Amino acid sequence: GENNFSNNGSFKGSLNMAISHILEENASTKILLVSPIYRSRMNPGDSKNSDDYIMNDLYLSDFVLAMGEVASYNHIPFVDLYNTSGINKYTSSVYLSDGLYLNDAGQELIATKILDAMNFYY
């Protein structure tokens, strides 16, 4: 997407605006931006994984990249679970109950990743 962080009609602009609003209201708020994870389906039964199929004219990984850019722009930590969680086309059946939602093993994995990041950054 575009690199206009002030355009609240764009994904980056809207995310930047939300972060700005939170920090303007309370500058001591601790924010940890966390990406979505890989998904092996978009809609029930469609088998359209997030690596190979677009949503809203972009791949899910494009939104993840945009989130990282907004986090960097605002100097806040970002956890890229899409690329670092270990959930992918080979492991999704281990961690996702239906291709989209986390099962117990997935919840434990993601909770640990987020907790580790919270402890590291805050």
N, C-alpha and C. Protein backbone atom coordinates (compact mmCIF):
# COMPACT_ATOMS: atom_id res chain seq x y z
N GLY A 1 0.81 -1.19 0.00
CA GLY A 1 0.00 0.00 0.00
C GLY A 1 0.85 1.24 0.00
N GLU A 2 0.17 2.34 -0.01
CA GLU A 2 0.87 3.62 -0.04
C GLU A 2 1.57 3.89 1.29
N ASN A 3 2.58 4.76 1.23
CA ASN A 3 3.34 5.09 2.43
C ASN A 3 2.83 6.35 3.11
N ASN A 4 1.58 6.71 2.89
CA ASN A 4 1.01 7.88 3.51
C ASN A 4 0.42 7.47 4.86
N PHE A 5 1.16 7.77 5.91
CA PHE A 5 0.73 7.37 7.25
C PHE A 5 -0.35 8.28 7.81
N SER A 6 -0.69 9.36 7.10
CA SER A 6 -1.72 10.26 7.60
C SER A 6 -3.06 10.08 6.88
N ASN A 7 -3.12 9.23 5.87
CA ASN A 7 -4.36 8.98 5.14
C ASN A 7 -5.19 7.94 5.89
N ASN A 8 -6.17 8.41 6.65
CA ASN A 8 -6.95 7.46 7.45
C ASN A 8 -7.91 6.63 6.62
N GLY A 9 -7.89 6.80 5.29
CA GLY A 9 -8.66 5.94 4.40
C GLY A 9 -7.87 4.72 3.97
N SER A 10 -6.59 4.67 4.34
CA SER A 10 -5.75 3.53 4.00
C SER A 10 -5.52 2.67 5.25
N PHE A 11 -5.09 1.45 5.05
CA PHE A 11 -4.80 0.57 6.18
C PHE A 11 -3.71 1.17 7.07
N LYS A 12 -2.60 1.59 6.44
CA LYS A 12 -1.50 2.18 7.22
C LYS A 12 -1.94 3.45 7.93
N GLY A 13 -2.66 4.29 7.23
CA GLY A 13 -3.12 5.54 7.84
C GLY A 13 -4.06 5.32 9.00
N SER A 14 -4.98 4.38 8.84
CA SER A 14 -5.92 4.08 9.92
C SER A 14 -5.22 3.49 11.14
N LEU A 15 -4.29 2.59 10.90
CA LEU A 15 -3.54 2.00 12.00
C LEU A 15 -2.69 3.06 12.70
N ASN A 16 -2.03 3.91 11.92
CA ASN A 16 -1.23 4.98 12.49
C ASN A 16 -2.10 5.94 13.30
N MET A 17 -3.28 6.26 12.78
CA MET A 17 -4.19 7.15 13.49
C MET A 17 -4.62 6.54 14.83
N ALA A 18 -4.90 5.26 14.85
CA ALA A 18 -5.30 4.60 16.09
C ALA A 18 -4.17 4.65 17.12
N ILE A 19 -2.96 4.35 16.68
CA ILE A 19 -1.80 4.39 17.58
C ILE A 19 -1.59 5.80 18.10
N SER A 20 -1.65 6.77 17.21
CA SER A 20 -1.47 8.17 17.60
C SER A 20 -2.51 8.58 18.63
N HIS A 21 -3.76 8.22 18.37
CA HIS A 21 -4.84 8.58 19.30
C HIS A 21 -4.61 7.97 20.69
N ILE A 22 -4.25 6.71 20.73
CA ILE A 22 -4.00 6.04 22.01
C ILE A 22 -2.88 6.74 22.76
N LEU A 23 -1.77 7.01 22.08
CA LEU A 23 -0.61 7.60 22.75
C LEU A 23 -0.81 9.08 23.08
N GLU A 24 -1.61 9.78 22.31
CA GLU A 24 -1.93 11.17 22.65
C GLU A 24 -2.80 11.25 23.89
N GLU A 25 -3.67 10.26 24.07
CA GLU A 25 -4.52 10.21 25.27
C GLU A 25 -3.75 9.81 26.51
N ASN A 26 -2.78 8.90 26.32
CA ASN A 26 -1.99 8.42 27.46
C ASN A 26 -0.62 7.97 26.94
N ALA A 27 0.34 8.86 27.01
CA ALA A 27 1.66 8.62 26.43
C ALA A 27 2.40 7.45 27.08
N SER A 28 1.99 7.04 28.26
CA SER A 28 2.67 5.93 28.93
C SER A 28 2.09 4.56 28.56
N THR A 29 1.07 4.55 27.72
CA THR A 29 0.48 3.28 27.28
C THR A 29 1.52 2.44 26.55
N LYS A 30 1.59 1.19 26.90
CA LYS A 30 2.50 0.27 26.24
C LYS A 30 1.74 -0.45 25.13
N ILE A 31 2.23 -0.31 23.92
CA ILE A 31 1.59 -0.93 22.76
C ILE A 31 2.53 -1.97 22.18
N LEU A 32 1.98 -3.13 21.90
CA LEU A 32 2.69 -4.19 21.20
C LEU A 32 1.83 -4.56 20.01
N LEU A 33 2.30 -4.24 18.82
CA LEU A 33 1.55 -4.53 17.62
C LEU A 33 1.83 -5.98 17.21
N VAL A 34 0.77 -6.75 16.98
CA VAL A 34 0.90 -8.18 16.69
C VAL A 34 0.18 -8.48 15.38
N SER A 35 0.89 -9.16 14.48
CA SER A 35 0.33 -9.47 13.17
C SER A 35 -0.65 -10.64 13.23
N PRO A 36 -1.45 -10.77 12.18
CA PRO A 36 -2.24 -12.00 12.06
C PRO A 36 -1.33 -13.18 11.73
N ILE A 37 -1.86 -14.36 11.84
CA ILE A 37 -1.11 -15.58 11.53
C ILE A 37 -1.51 -16.09 10.14
N TYR A 38 -0.74 -17.03 9.64
CA TYR A 38 -1.07 -17.73 8.40
C TYR A 38 -2.44 -18.41 8.57
N ARG A 39 -3.17 -18.48 7.50
CA ARG A 39 -4.45 -19.21 7.50
C ARG A 39 -4.51 -20.12 6.29
N SER A 40 -5.07 -21.28 6.45
CA SER A 40 -5.16 -22.22 5.34
C SER A 40 -6.51 -22.16 4.65
N ARG A 41 -7.34 -21.19 5.04
CA ARG A 41 -8.60 -20.95 4.36
C ARG A 41 -9.03 -19.50 4.60
N MET A 42 -9.86 -18.99 3.71
CA MET A 42 -10.44 -17.67 3.88
C MET A 42 -11.88 -17.80 4.39
N ASN A 43 -12.62 -18.69 3.75
CA ASN A 43 -14.01 -18.96 4.12
C ASN A 43 -14.15 -20.46 4.35
N PRO A 44 -15.14 -20.87 5.12
CA PRO A 44 -15.29 -22.30 5.42
C PRO A 44 -15.25 -23.18 4.17
N GLY A 45 -14.33 -24.13 4.17
CA GLY A 45 -14.24 -25.12 3.12
C GLY A 45 -13.61 -24.69 1.81
N ASP A 46 -13.09 -23.45 1.72
CA ASP A 46 -12.59 -23.01 0.42
C ASP A 46 -11.12 -23.37 0.15
N SER A 47 -10.36 -23.75 1.16
CA SER A 47 -8.96 -24.15 1.00
C SER A 47 -8.10 -23.07 0.33
N LYS A 48 -8.49 -21.82 0.42
CA LYS A 48 -7.72 -20.71 -0.14
C LYS A 48 -6.79 -20.16 0.94
N ASN A 49 -5.52 -20.58 0.91
CA ASN A 49 -4.60 -20.18 1.96
C ASN A 49 -4.11 -18.75 1.75
N SER A 50 -3.61 -18.16 2.81
CA SER A 50 -3.23 -16.75 2.78
C SER A 50 -1.94 -16.48 2.02
N ASP A 51 -1.18 -17.50 1.67
CA ASP A 51 0.02 -17.30 0.85
C ASP A 51 -0.33 -17.16 -0.63
N ASP A 52 -1.35 -17.84 -1.07
CA ASP A 52 -1.64 -17.94 -2.50
C ASP A 52 -2.87 -17.18 -2.97
N TYR A 53 -3.68 -16.68 -2.06
CA TYR A 53 -4.92 -16.01 -2.44
C TYR A 53 -5.00 -14.62 -1.81
N ILE A 54 -5.56 -13.68 -2.55
CA ILE A 54 -5.65 -12.30 -2.07
C ILE A 54 -6.96 -12.06 -1.35
N MET A 55 -6.95 -11.03 -0.51
CA MET A 55 -8.16 -10.54 0.12
C MET A 55 -8.09 -9.02 0.08
N ASN A 56 -9.13 -8.38 -0.34
CA ASN A 56 -9.15 -6.92 -0.50
C ASN A 56 -8.01 -6.45 -1.39
N ASP A 57 -7.76 -7.17 -2.45
CA ASP A 57 -6.74 -6.84 -3.47
C ASP A 57 -5.30 -6.97 -2.98
N LEU A 58 -5.08 -7.56 -1.81
CA LEU A 58 -3.73 -7.74 -1.28
C LEU A 58 -3.62 -9.12 -0.63
N TYR A 59 -2.40 -9.59 -0.51
CA TYR A 59 -2.14 -10.80 0.26
C TYR A 59 -2.09 -10.43 1.74
N LEU A 60 -2.39 -11.38 2.60
CA LEU A 60 -2.32 -11.12 4.03
C LEU A 60 -0.91 -10.68 4.42
N SER A 61 0.10 -11.22 3.76
CA SER A 61 1.48 -10.83 4.05
C SER A 61 1.73 -9.35 3.74
N ASP A 62 0.98 -8.76 2.81
CA ASP A 62 1.10 -7.32 2.54
C ASP A 62 0.63 -6.50 3.74
N PHE A 63 -0.44 -6.95 4.39
CA PHE A 63 -0.92 -6.27 5.59
C PHE A 63 0.11 -6.40 6.71
N VAL A 64 0.72 -7.56 6.81
CA VAL A 64 1.76 -7.79 7.83
C VAL A 64 2.93 -6.84 7.60
N LEU A 65 3.37 -6.70 6.37
CA LEU A 65 4.46 -5.76 6.05
C LEU A 65 4.06 -4.33 6.42
N ALA A 66 2.84 -3.96 6.10
CA ALA A 66 2.36 -2.62 6.42
C ALA A 66 2.34 -2.39 7.93
N MET A 67 1.94 -3.40 8.68
CA MET A 67 1.94 -3.28 10.15
C MET A 67 3.35 -3.04 10.67
N GLY A 68 4.30 -3.76 10.13
CA GLY A 68 5.69 -3.58 10.54
C GLY A 68 6.18 -2.18 10.23
N GLU A 69 5.79 -1.64 9.07
CA GLU A 69 6.19 -0.28 8.71
C GLU A 69 5.58 0.75 9.65
N VAL A 70 4.31 0.57 10.00
CA VAL A 70 3.65 1.49 10.92
C VAL A 70 4.28 1.40 12.32
N ALA A 71 4.59 0.19 12.75
CA ALA A 71 5.25 0.03 14.04
C ALA A 71 6.60 0.74 14.04
N SER A 72 7.37 0.56 12.99
CA SER A 72 8.67 1.22 12.87
C SER A 72 8.50 2.73 12.83
N TYR A 73 7.55 3.22 12.09
CA TYR A 73 7.28 4.65 11.98
C TYR A 73 6.97 5.26 13.35
N ASN A 74 6.27 4.49 14.19
CA ASN A 74 5.88 4.96 15.52
C ASN A 74 6.83 4.53 16.63
N HIS A 75 7.88 3.81 16.26
CA HIS A 75 8.88 3.33 17.23
C HIS A 75 8.23 2.49 18.34
N ILE A 76 7.37 1.58 17.91
CA ILE A 76 6.76 0.65 18.86
C ILE A 76 7.09 -0.78 18.42
N PRO A 77 7.13 -1.71 19.36
CA PRO A 77 7.48 -3.09 19.00
C PRO A 77 6.39 -3.78 18.19
N PHE A 78 6.85 -4.69 17.35
CA PHE A 78 5.96 -5.43 16.45
C PHE A 78 6.34 -6.90 16.48
N VAL A 79 5.34 -7.76 16.63
CA VAL A 79 5.54 -9.20 16.61
C VAL A 79 4.94 -9.73 15.30
N ASP A 80 5.80 -10.24 14.45
CA ASP A 80 5.38 -10.77 13.16
C ASP A 80 5.09 -12.26 13.29
N LEU A 81 3.87 -12.57 13.69
CA LEU A 81 3.48 -13.97 13.86
C LEU A 81 3.25 -14.66 12.52
N TYR A 82 2.97 -13.89 11.49
CA TYR A 82 2.73 -14.50 10.18
C TYR A 82 3.97 -15.25 9.70
N ASN A 83 5.12 -14.64 9.88
CA ASN A 83 6.37 -15.22 9.38
C ASN A 83 7.19 -15.96 10.43
N THR A 84 6.88 -15.77 11.71
CA THR A 84 7.74 -16.35 12.75
C THR A 84 7.04 -17.29 13.72
N SER A 85 5.74 -17.50 13.57
CA SER A 85 5.02 -18.34 14.53
C SER A 85 5.27 -19.83 14.32
N GLY A 86 5.69 -20.19 13.12
CA GLY A 86 5.83 -21.62 12.81
C GLY A 86 4.56 -22.22 12.24
N ILE A 87 3.52 -21.38 12.09
CA ILE A 87 2.28 -21.86 11.47
C ILE A 87 2.37 -21.53 9.99
N ASN A 88 2.28 -22.57 9.16
CA ASN A 88 2.41 -22.41 7.71
C ASN A 88 1.64 -23.53 7.02
N LYS A 89 1.79 -23.64 5.72
CA LYS A 89 1.02 -24.64 4.97
C LYS A 89 1.35 -26.07 5.38
N TYR A 90 2.51 -26.27 5.98
CA TYR A 90 2.91 -27.62 6.41
C TYR A 90 2.45 -27.95 7.83
N THR A 91 2.26 -26.91 8.66
CA THR A 91 1.94 -27.14 10.07
C THR A 91 0.55 -26.66 10.47
N SER A 92 -0.18 -26.08 9.54
CA SER A 92 -1.47 -25.49 9.92
C SER A 92 -2.43 -26.49 10.55
N SER A 93 -2.40 -27.74 10.11
CA SER A 93 -3.31 -28.74 10.69
C SER A 93 -2.94 -29.08 12.13
N VAL A 94 -1.73 -28.78 12.53
CA VAL A 94 -1.31 -29.01 13.91
C VAL A 94 -1.83 -27.91 14.83
N TYR A 95 -1.91 -26.68 14.31
CA TYR A 95 -2.21 -25.52 15.15
C TYR A 95 -3.57 -24.87 14.91
N LEU A 96 -4.21 -25.18 13.79
CA LEU A 96 -5.48 -24.55 13.46
C LEU A 96 -6.59 -25.59 13.44
N SER A 97 -7.69 -25.30 14.12
CA SER A 97 -8.77 -26.28 14.22
C SER A 97 -9.53 -26.43 12.91
N ASP A 98 -9.61 -25.37 12.13
CA ASP A 98 -10.40 -25.41 10.90
C ASP A 98 -9.74 -24.64 9.76
N GLY A 99 -8.46 -24.41 9.87
CA GLY A 99 -7.74 -23.66 8.85
C GLY A 99 -7.65 -22.17 9.14
N LEU A 100 -8.42 -21.72 10.14
CA LEU A 100 -8.43 -20.30 10.47
C LEU A 100 -8.25 -20.07 11.97
N TYR A 101 -9.00 -20.79 12.78
CA TYR A 101 -8.98 -20.57 14.22
C TYR A 101 -7.99 -21.50 14.91
N LEU A 102 -7.32 -20.94 15.93
CA LEU A 102 -6.33 -21.72 16.68
C LEU A 102 -7.00 -22.82 17.49
N ASN A 103 -6.38 -24.00 17.51
CA ASN A 103 -6.79 -25.06 18.42
C ASN A 103 -5.99 -24.88 19.72
N ASP A 104 -6.06 -25.83 20.64
CA ASP A 104 -5.36 -25.69 21.92
C ASP A 104 -3.85 -25.53 21.73
N ALA A 105 -3.27 -26.34 20.83
CA ALA A 105 -1.82 -26.25 20.59
C ALA A 105 -1.47 -24.89 19.97
N GLY A 106 -2.29 -24.40 19.09
CA GLY A 106 -2.06 -23.09 18.48
C GLY A 106 -2.19 -21.96 19.47
N GLN A 107 -3.19 -22.07 20.36
CA GLN A 107 -3.36 -21.05 21.39
C GLN A 107 -2.15 -21.00 22.32
N GLU A 108 -1.65 -22.16 22.68
CA GLU A 108 -0.47 -22.21 23.54
C GLU A 108 0.75 -21.61 22.83
N LEU A 109 0.93 -21.95 21.57
CA LEU A 109 2.05 -21.43 20.79
C LEU A 109 2.00 -19.91 20.69
N ILE A 110 0.86 -19.38 20.30
CA ILE A 110 0.73 -17.94 20.10
C ILE A 110 0.80 -17.19 21.43
N ALA A 111 0.18 -17.72 22.46
CA ALA A 111 0.25 -17.09 23.78
C ALA A 111 1.69 -16.99 24.26
N THR A 112 2.45 -18.04 24.05
CA THR A 112 3.87 -18.04 24.45
C THR A 112 4.64 -16.99 23.66
N LYS A 113 4.41 -16.91 22.37
CA LYS A 113 5.11 -15.92 21.53
C LYS A 113 4.79 -14.49 21.98
N ILE A 114 3.53 -14.22 22.25
CA ILE A 114 3.13 -12.88 22.67
C ILE A 114 3.67 -12.57 24.07
N LEU A 115 3.57 -13.52 24.98
CA LEU A 115 4.10 -13.32 26.32
C LEU A 115 5.60 -13.08 26.29
N ASP A 116 6.33 -13.85 25.49
CA ASP A 116 7.77 -13.65 25.35
C ASP A 116 8.07 -12.23 24.85
N ALA A 117 7.29 -11.76 23.88
CA ALA A 117 7.50 -10.41 23.36
C ALA A 117 7.18 -9.35 24.41
N MET A 118 6.11 -9.55 25.14
CA MET A 118 5.76 -8.60 26.21
C MET A 118 6.87 -8.54 27.25
N ASN A 119 7.38 -9.68 27.63
CA ASN A 119 8.46 -9.71 28.62
C ASN A 119 9.73 -9.07 28.07
N PHE A 120 10.00 -9.28 26.78
CA PHE A 120 11.21 -8.73 26.16
C PHE A 120 11.12 -7.21 26.06
N TYR A 121 9.99 -6.70 25.59
CA TYR A 121 9.85 -5.27 25.35
C TYR A 121 9.41 -4.48 26.56
N TYR A 122 8.67 -5.11 27.48
CA TYR A 122 8.12 -4.36 28.60
C TYR A 122 8.40 -5.03 29.92
